[in-house]
Amino acid sequence: MRISISILLFLVLSTSIVNAQSGYFEDAFRFSRVVPSGSARILGVGGTQWSLGGDVSNIAGNPAGLGFFRSSEISLSLGYSDWGVQTQYLGQSREYNTSNFSLPNISYVGASPKGPMETRAFKGGAWAMSFQRIANFNTEFGYFSDIPGQSSIIDFYLQDSFGIPESQIENFGLTGLAYQTYQINPIAFDPDGNPIPNPNVYDSFVLGLPFQDENIRREGSANQMTFGYGANFKHKLFLGGSVGIRTLNFSSFKIYNEEFVDEPLATSSLQENLFINGAGVNLNLGVIYKPMDNLNLGFVFQTPTWYGLNEEYEAAVFTDYNNYYYEPEDITLGQQDAFSDLVISNYGLNTPLKIGGGATFFFGKKGFISADVDWVDYSTARINSRDFDEGPDNQVIRDIYASTINYRVGGEIWLNMFRIRGGYSYLGDPYSNSPGFDQSTQIISGGVGIRTGAFTLDLTILNQQYDQLYRSYQVLDEDGFNFGPLTEIRNSITSGVLTVGFNF
């Protein structure tokens, strides 16, 4: 269980803003969000694949498309991405870039078609396996300001500590670390000067507003090994299914700093490290129907991914006082540090299911246009654990996330052995309450390819853009408004994927 979670956090997260004192509800979205993936060909047409067959992306996409294969194929994809981030805080901007090389897809398809003289409805099929990168977590962002903020993280500590007896406060998450470093201290006497036994209200002798900066670095990825089969019936109806075994590794490193002027406290720093790894399984069922030779209609049902996850969390607070004399304990404060224990816990995550459909229209031997639409309800994700009470997180999931309609459209032009592609993908805003701030995702892609009888080579360039809001911590005013530091984050991810395939 992460020591930074508090009941107060769950009660106020009615907005779609990510907080530094993160909860498991963040994992529910982070590990559920999947952008279009697959071969360079499929990415080039916007990720449309619900009604397209004969591509290795069908293994993890619509496995019914495997029934289109008339020959076996092996393919390999190489990828490069540059994740650019621009942040805005108090009118000041910063920019970050994180580059990453990857192996987005390795696939094998073993086709077993029936001969042209086969009279039965079953015309053969293909089994397949693939290793595919599902998500990339490698990024860095933050902010810096030479303007004092509107609050201090000490305000968060004070609100979070309310009602916690002093005998228990040391073990109360980040707020306990703040107590150990004298950023908050108990009100030990009542207005009449009488001592309060085991006080549960706190104050701070640090009163000013600080300069603030923060840096967040994330690493890791989610990958899936998929085993699938697709069958062909009368070259009209194609049915398929697959089993996916998904693994993930995620790390987060946060450093939040405050600097005070003319206060007893000169600087403070909060550092948090989080490591998550685990595996999950999902099922995928699909159908493609050809009512006429130049039209494909597809349907996909993807179950939730049932994850089992392990995590390790640790935090530390470092403070530097200006040799401040703290009279209640007869101590002169200088460098005061506090460290949490290494917290290890296990939990399960059920991601939302996905339902999708699509259509592809072929213009003879000149190319095609394809479109997909799918529905995902992020509010149905669920956390479960024996190590902590998952109820508050699941309530937050129900409150802040929403269902989305995602769509993709793309096309391909055939010029003899050459292919030219273009596509667009839209992923709806997953938050139920983000007034005036659109957090949807848009992806534009384009690519080229060469296809011969035994060899394919495809290259795609795509750009993904989406915006986020981030709060380092929460502080509530009398009206319940959170006026903790608010940072706008604009993400722009440019990627290139090269796929080479061999047919045999």
Foldseek 3Di string as FASTA:
>chain_A
DALLDAPVVLVQLLAFAAAQSHDCLVVQVVVQDFAQADALVCVQFFSFDQFAADGQRCLVPVVLSQQPDPFKKWKWKKKKKKKKKWKAFPRDIDIDIDIDIDGAKTKIKHWDAADPPDDAQWGGKIKMKMKGFGWWWFDKDKDFDPDFAPDDCLLVLQVRQAPPFPVCLCSRGPSNQCVQQQQKDFPQADPVGHGDPRGRHIDGQFDDTWGKMKMKGKGKTKMKMKIKMWIGTNVFKIKMKMKIKMKIKMKMWMKMKTADDPGQWGMKIKIKIKIKIWMWMKMKIKMWGDPDDFKIKMKIKIFWTKIKMKMKMKMKMWTAGPQCQDPVVRHGDGIGMDIDDTDIFIKIKTHWIKIKMKMKGAPPQFKIKIKMKMKTFSLPMAMGGPVDDRVSSNVSSVSWFGMWIKMKIKMWGDDPQKIKIWMKIKTAAGTPHDPPAGFIKIKIKIWMKGDDPFKIKIKMKMKMKGKGKHFHGFRQDPVSDTRGTIMIMIIIMIMMMMMMMTTD
